[in-house]
Amino acid sequence: MMDELLDITKVLDKKLINVDLKSNTKEGVIAELSQMLAKESYLIDEKQFIADVMQREEEGLTGLGEGIAIPHGKSEGVQTTTIAIGKLSNGLEWGSLDDQPVHVIILFAVKNTDATTMHIKLLQKVAIMLADNNFLTSLREANTADEIYELILGR
């Protein structure tokens, strides 16, 4: 089963990791991460992608607890399926399963045509990583894009 999972390095770009997000709202954080995606040409239509992510947010909680949120959008606005990762020094109220503030946001940008298999495999891979308490602790303590990148690579 494990080898059927997606190699996360295929969808991880160090330029899409920001350990110093400035926003203090869910919408702001999603927009800030989306700007990185657009800047690196992962999005065709940034506004459409943000709208799709926000619509998905309305459908159910993406705050997993333990300070982590995984907002995601399947969108025609996505050029290439990838993830963007952001950290907030001050926690943000996200609407999490444990009602705790969020400090780490992993935004999934999924191309519409990849929506079934790629989306599920990405979520599986991240869920497996996030189920590991040591990984969670290291992720929350990481202070640089390099640290986060290497941490995920090591999985």
N, C-alpha and C. Protein backbone atom coordinates (compact mmCIF):
# COMPACT_ATOMS: atom_id res chain seq x y z
N MET A 1 0.83 -1.21 0.00
CA MET A 1 0.00 0.00 0.00
C MET A 1 0.87 1.26 0.00
N MET A 2 1.91 1.26 0.82
CA MET A 2 2.72 2.47 0.95
C MET A 2 3.30 2.94 -0.38
N ASP A 3 3.77 2.00 -1.22
CA ASP A 3 4.40 2.43 -2.46
C ASP A 3 3.39 2.98 -3.46
N GLU A 4 2.11 2.78 -3.21
CA GLU A 4 1.09 3.38 -4.08
C GLU A 4 0.89 4.85 -3.74
N LEU A 5 1.36 5.25 -2.56
CA LEU A 5 1.18 6.64 -2.16
C LEU A 5 2.07 7.55 -2.98
N LEU A 6 1.61 8.74 -3.14
CA LEU A 6 2.32 9.75 -3.89
C LEU A 6 3.64 10.11 -3.22
N ASP A 7 4.67 10.27 -4.00
CA ASP A 7 5.93 10.81 -3.50
C ASP A 7 5.73 12.31 -3.34
N ILE A 8 5.65 12.75 -2.10
CA ILE A 8 5.29 14.15 -1.83
C ILE A 8 6.32 15.13 -2.39
N THR A 9 7.54 14.66 -2.62
CA THR A 9 8.55 15.57 -3.17
C THR A 9 8.18 16.02 -4.59
N LYS A 10 7.32 15.26 -5.26
CA LYS A 10 6.89 15.65 -6.60
C LYS A 10 5.96 16.87 -6.57
N VAL A 11 5.38 17.15 -5.41
CA VAL A 11 4.47 18.28 -5.30
C VAL A 11 4.93 19.29 -4.25
N LEU A 12 6.20 19.20 -3.86
CA LEU A 12 6.73 20.10 -2.84
C LEU A 12 7.82 20.97 -3.45
N ASP A 13 7.65 22.28 -3.35
CA ASP A 13 8.60 23.25 -3.88
C ASP A 13 8.99 24.16 -2.71
N LYS A 14 10.28 24.25 -2.45
CA LYS A 14 10.74 25.06 -1.31
C LYS A 14 10.27 26.51 -1.41
N LYS A 15 10.05 27.00 -2.63
CA LYS A 15 9.59 28.38 -2.81
C LYS A 15 8.15 28.56 -2.34
N LEU A 16 7.47 27.45 -2.05
CA LEU A 16 6.08 27.51 -1.61
C LEU A 16 5.96 27.28 -0.10
N ILE A 17 7.03 27.58 0.62
CA ILE A 17 7.01 27.49 2.09
C ILE A 17 7.31 28.87 2.65
N ASN A 18 6.41 29.37 3.48
CA ASN A 18 6.58 30.69 4.09
C ASN A 18 6.41 30.54 5.59
N VAL A 19 7.49 30.74 6.35
CA VAL A 19 7.43 30.56 7.80
C VAL A 19 7.04 31.85 8.53
N ASP A 20 6.69 32.87 7.77
CA ASP A 20 6.39 34.16 8.38
C ASP A 20 5.16 34.80 7.73
N LEU A 21 4.05 34.08 7.75
CA LEU A 21 2.81 34.64 7.20
C LEU A 21 2.40 35.87 8.00
N LYS A 22 1.89 36.88 7.31
CA LYS A 22 1.53 38.15 7.96
C LYS A 22 0.04 38.24 8.29
N SER A 23 -0.79 37.48 7.60
CA SER A 23 -2.24 37.62 7.73
C SER A 23 -2.74 37.18 9.10
N ASN A 24 -3.89 37.75 9.48
CA ASN A 24 -4.49 37.34 10.75
C ASN A 24 -5.94 36.88 10.57
N THR A 25 -6.28 36.51 9.32
CA THR A 25 -7.59 35.91 9.04
C THR A 25 -7.38 34.69 8.16
N LYS A 26 -8.35 33.80 8.19
CA LYS A 26 -8.29 32.60 7.35
C LYS A 26 -8.20 33.00 5.88
N GLU A 27 -9.06 33.95 5.47
CA GLU A 27 -9.07 34.40 4.07
C GLU A 27 -7.73 35.01 3.69
N GLY A 28 -7.16 35.79 4.60
CA GLY A 28 -5.88 36.43 4.34
C GLY A 28 -4.76 35.42 4.17
N VAL A 29 -4.75 34.40 5.03
CA VAL A 29 -3.73 33.36 4.94
C VAL A 29 -3.86 32.60 3.61
N ILE A 30 -5.09 32.26 3.24
CA ILE A 30 -5.30 31.54 1.98
C ILE A 30 -4.87 32.40 0.80
N ALA A 31 -5.17 33.70 0.86
CA ALA A 31 -4.75 34.61 -0.21
C ALA A 31 -3.23 34.73 -0.26
N GLU A 32 -2.60 34.83 0.91
CA GLU A 32 -1.13 34.96 0.97
C GLU A 32 -0.45 33.72 0.39
N LEU A 33 -0.92 32.54 0.75
CA LEU A 33 -0.35 31.31 0.20
C LEU A 33 -0.65 31.20 -1.29
N SER A 34 -1.83 31.63 -1.70
CA SER A 34 -2.20 31.58 -3.12
C SER A 34 -1.33 32.52 -3.96
N GLN A 35 -0.95 33.66 -3.39
CA GLN A 35 -0.05 34.58 -4.10
C GLN A 35 1.28 33.90 -4.39
N MET A 36 1.79 33.11 -3.43
CA MET A 36 3.03 32.37 -3.67
C MET A 36 2.84 31.38 -4.81
N LEU A 37 1.71 30.67 -4.80
CA LEU A 37 1.41 29.70 -5.86
C LEU A 37 1.36 30.38 -7.22
N ALA A 38 0.71 31.53 -7.28
CA ALA A 38 0.58 32.27 -8.54
C ALA A 38 1.95 32.76 -9.01
N LYS A 39 2.73 33.30 -8.08
CA LYS A 39 4.05 33.84 -8.41
C LYS A 39 4.95 32.76 -9.02
N GLU A 40 4.82 31.54 -8.53
CA GLU A 40 5.65 30.44 -9.04
C GLU A 40 4.97 29.67 -10.17
N SER A 41 3.90 30.24 -10.72
CA SER A 41 3.20 29.70 -11.90
C SER A 41 2.47 28.37 -11.67
N TYR A 42 2.05 28.11 -10.44
CA TYR A 42 1.25 26.92 -10.17
C TYR A 42 -0.24 27.17 -10.40
N LEU A 43 -0.61 28.46 -10.46
CA LEU A 43 -2.01 28.82 -10.68
C LEU A 43 -2.17 29.52 -12.02
N ILE A 44 -3.28 29.24 -12.69
CA ILE A 44 -3.66 29.95 -13.91
C ILE A 44 -4.55 31.13 -13.52
N ASP A 45 -5.42 30.88 -12.52
CA ASP A 45 -6.41 31.88 -12.11
C ASP A 45 -6.46 31.92 -10.58
N GLU A 46 -5.71 32.87 -10.02
CA GLU A 46 -5.59 32.97 -8.56
C GLU A 46 -6.94 33.25 -7.89
N LYS A 47 -7.72 34.16 -8.47
CA LYS A 47 -9.03 34.50 -7.88
C LYS A 47 -9.97 33.30 -7.86
N GLN A 48 -9.99 32.56 -8.96
CA GLN A 48 -10.83 31.35 -9.03
C GLN A 48 -10.40 30.33 -7.99
N PHE A 49 -9.09 30.14 -7.86
CA PHE A 49 -8.58 29.18 -6.89
C PHE A 49 -8.98 29.58 -5.46
N ILE A 50 -8.78 30.85 -5.12
CA ILE A 50 -9.14 31.32 -3.77
C ILE A 50 -10.64 31.10 -3.53
N ALA A 51 -11.46 31.42 -4.53
CA ALA A 51 -12.91 31.23 -4.41
C ALA A 51 -13.23 29.75 -4.16
N ASP A 52 -12.55 28.85 -4.88
CA ASP A 52 -12.79 27.42 -4.71
C ASP A 52 -12.35 26.93 -3.33
N VAL A 53 -11.22 27.43 -2.84
CA VAL A 53 -10.75 27.05 -1.50
C VAL A 53 -11.75 27.55 -0.45
N MET A 54 -12.18 28.79 -0.58
CA MET A 54 -13.11 29.36 0.40
C MET A 54 -14.45 28.62 0.37
N GLN A 55 -14.88 28.20 -0.81
CA GLN A 55 -16.11 27.42 -0.91
C GLN A 55 -15.95 26.09 -0.17
N ARG A 56 -14.80 25.46 -0.34
CA ARG A 56 -14.52 24.20 0.36
C ARG A 56 -14.49 24.42 1.87
N GLU A 57 -13.98 25.56 2.31
CA GLU A 57 -13.96 25.88 3.74
C GLU A 57 -15.37 25.93 4.32
N GLU A 58 -16.32 26.39 3.50
CA GLU A 58 -17.72 26.47 3.96
C GLU A 58 -18.31 25.07 4.17
N GLU A 59 -17.77 24.08 3.47
CA GLU A 59 -18.35 22.73 3.50
C GLU A 59 -17.95 21.93 4.73
N GLY A 60 -16.87 22.32 5.40
CA GLY A 60 -16.46 21.55 6.58
C GLY A 60 -15.12 21.99 7.10
N LEU A 61 -14.82 21.58 8.32
CA LEU A 61 -13.59 21.98 8.99
C LEU A 61 -12.35 21.45 8.28
N THR A 62 -11.37 22.32 8.11
CA THR A 62 -10.07 21.86 7.62
C THR A 62 -9.01 22.04 8.70
N GLY A 63 -9.41 22.54 9.86
CA GLY A 63 -8.51 22.61 11.01
C GLY A 63 -8.50 21.24 11.67
N LEU A 64 -7.34 20.56 11.58
CA LEU A 64 -7.27 19.18 12.06
C LEU A 64 -7.11 19.08 13.56
N GLY A 65 -6.71 20.18 14.20
CA GLY A 65 -6.31 20.12 15.60
C GLY A 65 -4.79 20.12 15.66
N GLU A 66 -4.26 20.18 16.88
CA GLU A 66 -2.80 20.20 17.07
C GLU A 66 -2.14 21.39 16.37
N GLY A 67 -2.91 22.45 16.08
CA GLY A 67 -2.33 23.64 15.46
C GLY A 67 -2.16 23.57 13.95
N ILE A 68 -2.78 22.58 13.31
CA ILE A 68 -2.59 22.35 11.87
C ILE A 68 -3.92 22.52 11.13
N ALA A 69 -3.86 23.17 9.96
CA ALA A 69 -5.03 23.25 9.08
C ALA A 69 -4.61 22.82 7.67
N ILE A 70 -5.54 22.17 6.97
CA ILE A 70 -5.25 21.73 5.60
C ILE A 70 -6.35 22.20 4.64
N PRO A 71 -6.42 23.52 4.42
CA PRO A 71 -7.38 23.99 3.42
C PRO A 71 -7.01 23.44 2.05
N HIS A 72 -8.01 23.21 1.21
CA HIS A 72 -7.69 22.69 -0.12
C HIS A 72 -8.74 23.08 -1.13
N GLY A 73 -8.28 23.15 -2.36
CA GLY A 73 -9.17 23.49 -3.45
C GLY A 73 -8.87 22.67 -4.68
N LYS A 74 -9.92 22.06 -5.24
CA LYS A 74 -9.84 21.45 -6.57
C LYS A 74 -10.36 22.54 -7.49
N SER A 75 -9.54 22.93 -8.46
CA SER A 75 -9.89 24.13 -9.18
C SER A 75 -9.37 24.14 -10.61
N GLU A 76 -10.16 24.74 -11.49
CA GLU A 76 -9.68 25.00 -12.85
C GLU A 76 -8.60 26.07 -12.82
N GLY A 77 -8.50 26.79 -11.72
CA GLY A 77 -7.49 27.83 -11.58
C GLY A 77 -6.09 27.30 -11.33
N VAL A 78 -5.97 25.98 -11.11
CA VAL A 78 -4.67 25.37 -10.80
C VAL A 78 -4.03 24.84 -12.08
N GLN A 79 -2.78 25.24 -12.31
CA GLN A 79 -1.99 24.77 -13.45
C GLN A 79 -1.37 23.41 -13.13
N THR A 80 -0.77 23.30 -11.94
CA THR A 80 -0.04 22.11 -11.53
C THR A 80 -0.38 21.81 -10.07
N THR A 81 -0.75 20.58 -9.78
CA THR A 81 -1.08 20.18 -8.41
C THR A 81 0.15 20.31 -7.52
N THR A 82 -0.03 20.94 -6.36
CA THR A 82 1.08 21.15 -5.43
C THR A 82 0.53 21.48 -4.05
N ILE A 83 1.44 21.71 -3.11
CA ILE A 83 1.05 22.21 -1.79
C ILE A 83 1.88 23.43 -1.46
N ALA A 84 1.26 24.34 -0.71
CA ALA A 84 1.98 25.50 -0.16
C ALA A 84 1.85 25.39 1.36
N ILE A 85 2.93 25.72 2.05
CA ILE A 85 2.94 25.59 3.51
C ILE A 85 3.26 26.95 4.13
N GLY A 86 2.49 27.31 5.12
CA GLY A 86 2.72 28.57 5.82
C GLY A 86 2.69 28.38 7.32
N LYS A 87 3.44 29.25 8.02
CA LYS A 87 3.43 29.25 9.48
C LYS A 87 3.09 30.64 9.97
N LEU A 88 2.35 30.66 11.07
CA LEU A 88 1.99 31.91 11.74
C LEU A 88 2.64 31.91 13.11
N SER A 89 3.29 33.03 13.47
CA SER A 89 3.88 33.08 14.81
C SER A 89 2.77 33.17 15.85
N ASN A 90 1.73 33.94 15.55
CA ASN A 90 0.57 33.99 16.44
C ASN A 90 -0.50 33.07 15.87
N GLY A 91 -1.05 32.25 16.72
CA GLY A 91 -2.09 31.32 16.26
C GLY A 91 -3.30 32.06 15.72
N LEU A 92 -4.03 31.39 14.86
CA LEU A 92 -5.20 31.97 14.20
C LEU A 92 -6.40 31.07 14.45
N GLU A 93 -7.52 31.68 14.83
CA GLU A 93 -8.77 30.92 15.00
C GLU A 93 -9.19 30.40 13.63
N TRP A 94 -9.31 29.09 13.48
CA TRP A 94 -9.57 28.50 12.17
C TRP A 94 -10.89 27.72 12.15
N GLY A 95 -11.33 27.33 13.32
CA GLY A 95 -12.45 26.40 13.37
C GLY A 95 -11.89 24.99 13.29
N SER A 96 -11.14 24.62 14.32
CA SER A 96 -10.45 23.33 14.33
C SER A 96 -11.22 22.31 15.16
N LEU A 97 -10.92 21.05 14.93
CA LEU A 97 -11.58 19.97 15.65
C LEU A 97 -11.38 20.10 17.16
N ASP A 98 -10.22 20.64 17.58
CA ASP A 98 -9.95 20.78 19.02
C ASP A 98 -10.14 22.22 19.51
N ASP A 99 -10.68 23.09 18.66
CA ASP A 99 -10.93 24.50 19.00
C ASP A 99 -9.66 25.27 19.37
N GLN A 100 -8.50 24.73 19.02
CA GLN A 100 -7.24 25.42 19.30
C GLN A 100 -6.82 26.25 18.08
N PRO A 101 -6.06 27.33 18.31
CA PRO A 101 -5.61 28.14 17.18
C PRO A 101 -4.66 27.36 16.26
N VAL A 102 -4.62 27.79 15.01
CA VAL A 102 -3.78 27.14 14.00
C VAL A 102 -2.48 27.93 13.83
N HIS A 103 -1.37 27.21 13.73
CA HIS A 103 -0.06 27.82 13.50
C HIS A 103 0.57 27.38 12.18
N VAL A 104 0.18 26.21 11.68
CA VAL A 104 0.74 25.67 10.44
C VAL A 104 -0.41 25.40 9.47
N ILE A 105 -0.27 25.95 8.26
CA ILE A 105 -1.30 25.78 7.25
C ILE A 105 -0.68 25.09 6.04
N ILE A 106 -1.27 23.98 5.64
CA ILE A 106 -0.82 23.25 4.45
C ILE A 106 -1.95 23.37 3.43
N LEU A 107 -1.73 24.22 2.42
CA LEU A 107 -2.75 24.49 1.41
C LEU A 107 -2.53 23.58 0.20
N PHE A 108 -3.54 22.79 -0.11
CA PHE A 108 -3.49 21.90 -1.27
C PHE A 108 -4.08 22.63 -2.47
N ALA A 109 -3.32 22.70 -3.55
CA ALA A 109 -3.83 23.24 -4.81
C ALA A 109 -3.89 22.07 -5.78
N VAL A 110 -5.11 21.66 -6.12
CA VAL A 110 -5.29 20.45 -6.93
C VAL A 110 -5.92 20.82 -8.26
N LYS A 111 -5.21 20.47 -9.33
CA LYS A 111 -5.72 20.69 -10.68
C LYS A 111 -6.99 19.85 -10.87
N ASN A 112 -7.99 20.46 -11.49
CA ASN A 112 -9.29 19.78 -11.66
C ASN A 112 -9.15 18.37 -12.23
N THR A 113 -8.29 18.21 -13.23
CA THR A 113 -8.15 16.90 -13.87
C THR A 113 -7.44 15.88 -12.98
N ASP A 114 -6.75 16.37 -11.94
CA ASP A 114 -6.08 15.47 -10.98
C ASP A 114 -6.97 15.20 -9.77
N ALA A 115 -8.18 15.75 -9.80
CA ALA A 115 -8.97 15.88 -8.57
C ALA A 115 -9.23 14.58 -7.83
N THR A 116 -9.37 13.48 -8.51
CA THR A 116 -9.70 12.27 -7.77
C THR A 116 -8.46 11.60 -7.20
N THR A 117 -7.64 11.01 -8.06
CA THR A 117 -6.52 10.22 -7.55
C THR A 117 -5.47 11.06 -6.84
N MET A 118 -5.00 12.11 -7.49
CA MET A 118 -3.92 12.92 -6.93
C MET A 118 -4.35 13.54 -5.60
N HIS A 119 -5.55 14.05 -5.55
CA HIS A 119 -6.07 14.71 -4.35
C HIS A 119 -6.10 13.74 -3.18
N ILE A 120 -6.64 12.57 -3.42
CA ILE A 120 -6.75 11.56 -2.36
C ILE A 120 -5.37 11.09 -1.91
N LYS A 121 -4.48 10.87 -2.86
CA LYS A 121 -3.13 10.41 -2.50
C LYS A 121 -2.37 11.48 -1.70
N LEU A 122 -2.53 12.74 -2.10
CA LEU A 122 -1.89 13.83 -1.36
C LEU A 122 -2.41 13.89 0.07
N LEU A 123 -3.73 13.85 0.21
CA LEU A 123 -4.33 13.89 1.54
C LEU A 123 -3.88 12.70 2.38
N GLN A 124 -3.80 11.52 1.77
CA GLN A 124 -3.34 10.32 2.47
C GLN A 124 -1.93 10.51 3.00
N LYS A 125 -1.07 10.98 2.12
CA LYS A 125 0.34 11.14 2.47
C LYS A 125 0.50 12.13 3.62
N VAL A 126 -0.19 13.26 3.52
CA VAL A 126 -0.09 14.27 4.57
C VAL A 126 -0.72 13.75 5.87
N ALA A 127 -1.84 13.05 5.76
CA ALA A 127 -2.49 12.49 6.95
C ALA A 127 -1.56 11.53 7.69
N ILE A 128 -0.84 10.72 6.93
CA ILE A 128 0.11 9.78 7.54
C ILE A 128 1.21 10.55 8.28
N MET A 129 1.72 11.61 7.66
CA MET A 129 2.76 12.42 8.32
C MET A 129 2.21 13.08 9.58
N LEU A 130 1.00 13.63 9.47
CA LEU A 130 0.43 14.38 10.59
C LEU A 130 -0.04 13.48 11.73
N ALA A 131 -0.12 12.19 11.48
CA ALA A 131 -0.49 11.25 12.54
C ALA A 131 0.70 10.94 13.45
N ASP A 132 1.87 11.37 13.04
CA ASP A 132 3.11 11.12 13.78
C ASP A 132 3.39 12.32 14.69
N ASN A 133 3.30 12.10 16.00
CA ASN A 133 3.49 13.21 16.94
C ASN A 133 4.87 13.84 16.86
N ASN A 134 5.89 13.03 16.59
CA ASN A 134 7.24 13.58 16.45
C ASN A 134 7.31 14.53 15.25
N PHE A 135 6.67 14.12 14.16
CA PHE A 135 6.63 14.97 12.96
C PHE A 135 5.90 16.28 13.27
N LEU A 136 4.76 16.18 13.95
CA LEU A 136 3.97 17.37 14.30
C LEU A 136 4.79 18.35 15.13
N THR A 137 5.47 17.81 16.14
CA THR A 137 6.29 18.66 17.01
C THR A 137 7.38 19.34 16.19
N SER A 138 8.07 18.57 15.35
CA SER A 138 9.14 19.14 14.53
C SER A 138 8.60 20.19 13.57
N LEU A 139 7.43 19.94 13.00
CA LEU A 139 6.82 20.88 12.07
C LEU A 139 6.50 22.20 12.78
N ARG A 140 5.92 22.10 13.96
CA ARG A 140 5.57 23.31 14.71
C ARG A 140 6.82 24.07 15.15
N GLU A 141 7.91 23.36 15.41
CA GLU A 141 9.13 24.00 15.90
C GLU A 141 10.03 24.51 14.78
N ALA A 142 9.80 24.07 13.56
CA ALA A 142 10.65 24.49 12.42
C ALA A 142 10.53 25.99 12.21
N ASN A 143 11.67 26.64 11.98
CA ASN A 143 11.68 28.10 11.84
C ASN A 143 12.05 28.59 10.45
N THR A 144 12.47 27.68 9.58
CA THR A 144 12.86 28.10 8.23
C THR A 144 12.20 27.20 7.19
N ALA A 145 12.11 27.72 5.97
CA ALA A 145 11.58 26.93 4.86
C ALA A 145 12.44 25.68 4.66
N ASP A 146 13.77 25.84 4.80
CA ASP A 146 14.67 24.69 4.64
C ASP A 146 14.36 23.59 5.65
N GLU A 147 14.13 23.98 6.91
CA GLU A 147 13.83 22.99 7.95
C GLU A 147 12.55 22.22 7.62
N ILE A 148 11.52 22.94 7.19
CA ILE A 148 10.25 22.29 6.86
C ILE A 148 10.43 21.38 5.64
N TYR A 149 11.13 21.88 4.64
CA TYR A 149 11.37 21.10 3.42
C TYR A 149 12.11 19.79 3.75
N GLU A 150 13.18 19.91 4.52
CA GLU A 150 13.98 18.73 4.90
C GLU A 150 13.17 17.77 5.77
N LEU A 151 12.35 18.31 6.65
CA LEU A 151 11.52 17.49 7.51
C LEU A 151 10.57 16.63 6.67
N ILE A 152 9.93 17.25 5.69
CA ILE A 152 8.98 16.53 4.84
C ILE A 152 9.72 15.55 3.94
N LEU A 153 10.88 15.96 3.43
CA LEU A 153 11.69 15.07 2.60
C LEU A 153 12.08 13.81 3.36
N GLY A 154 12.31 13.97 4.65
CA GLY A 154 12.74 12.85 5.48
C GLY A 154 11.65 11.84 5.76
N ARG A 155 10.43 12.10 5.32
CA ARG A 155 9.29 11.20 5.60
C ARG A 155 9.25 10.08 4.59
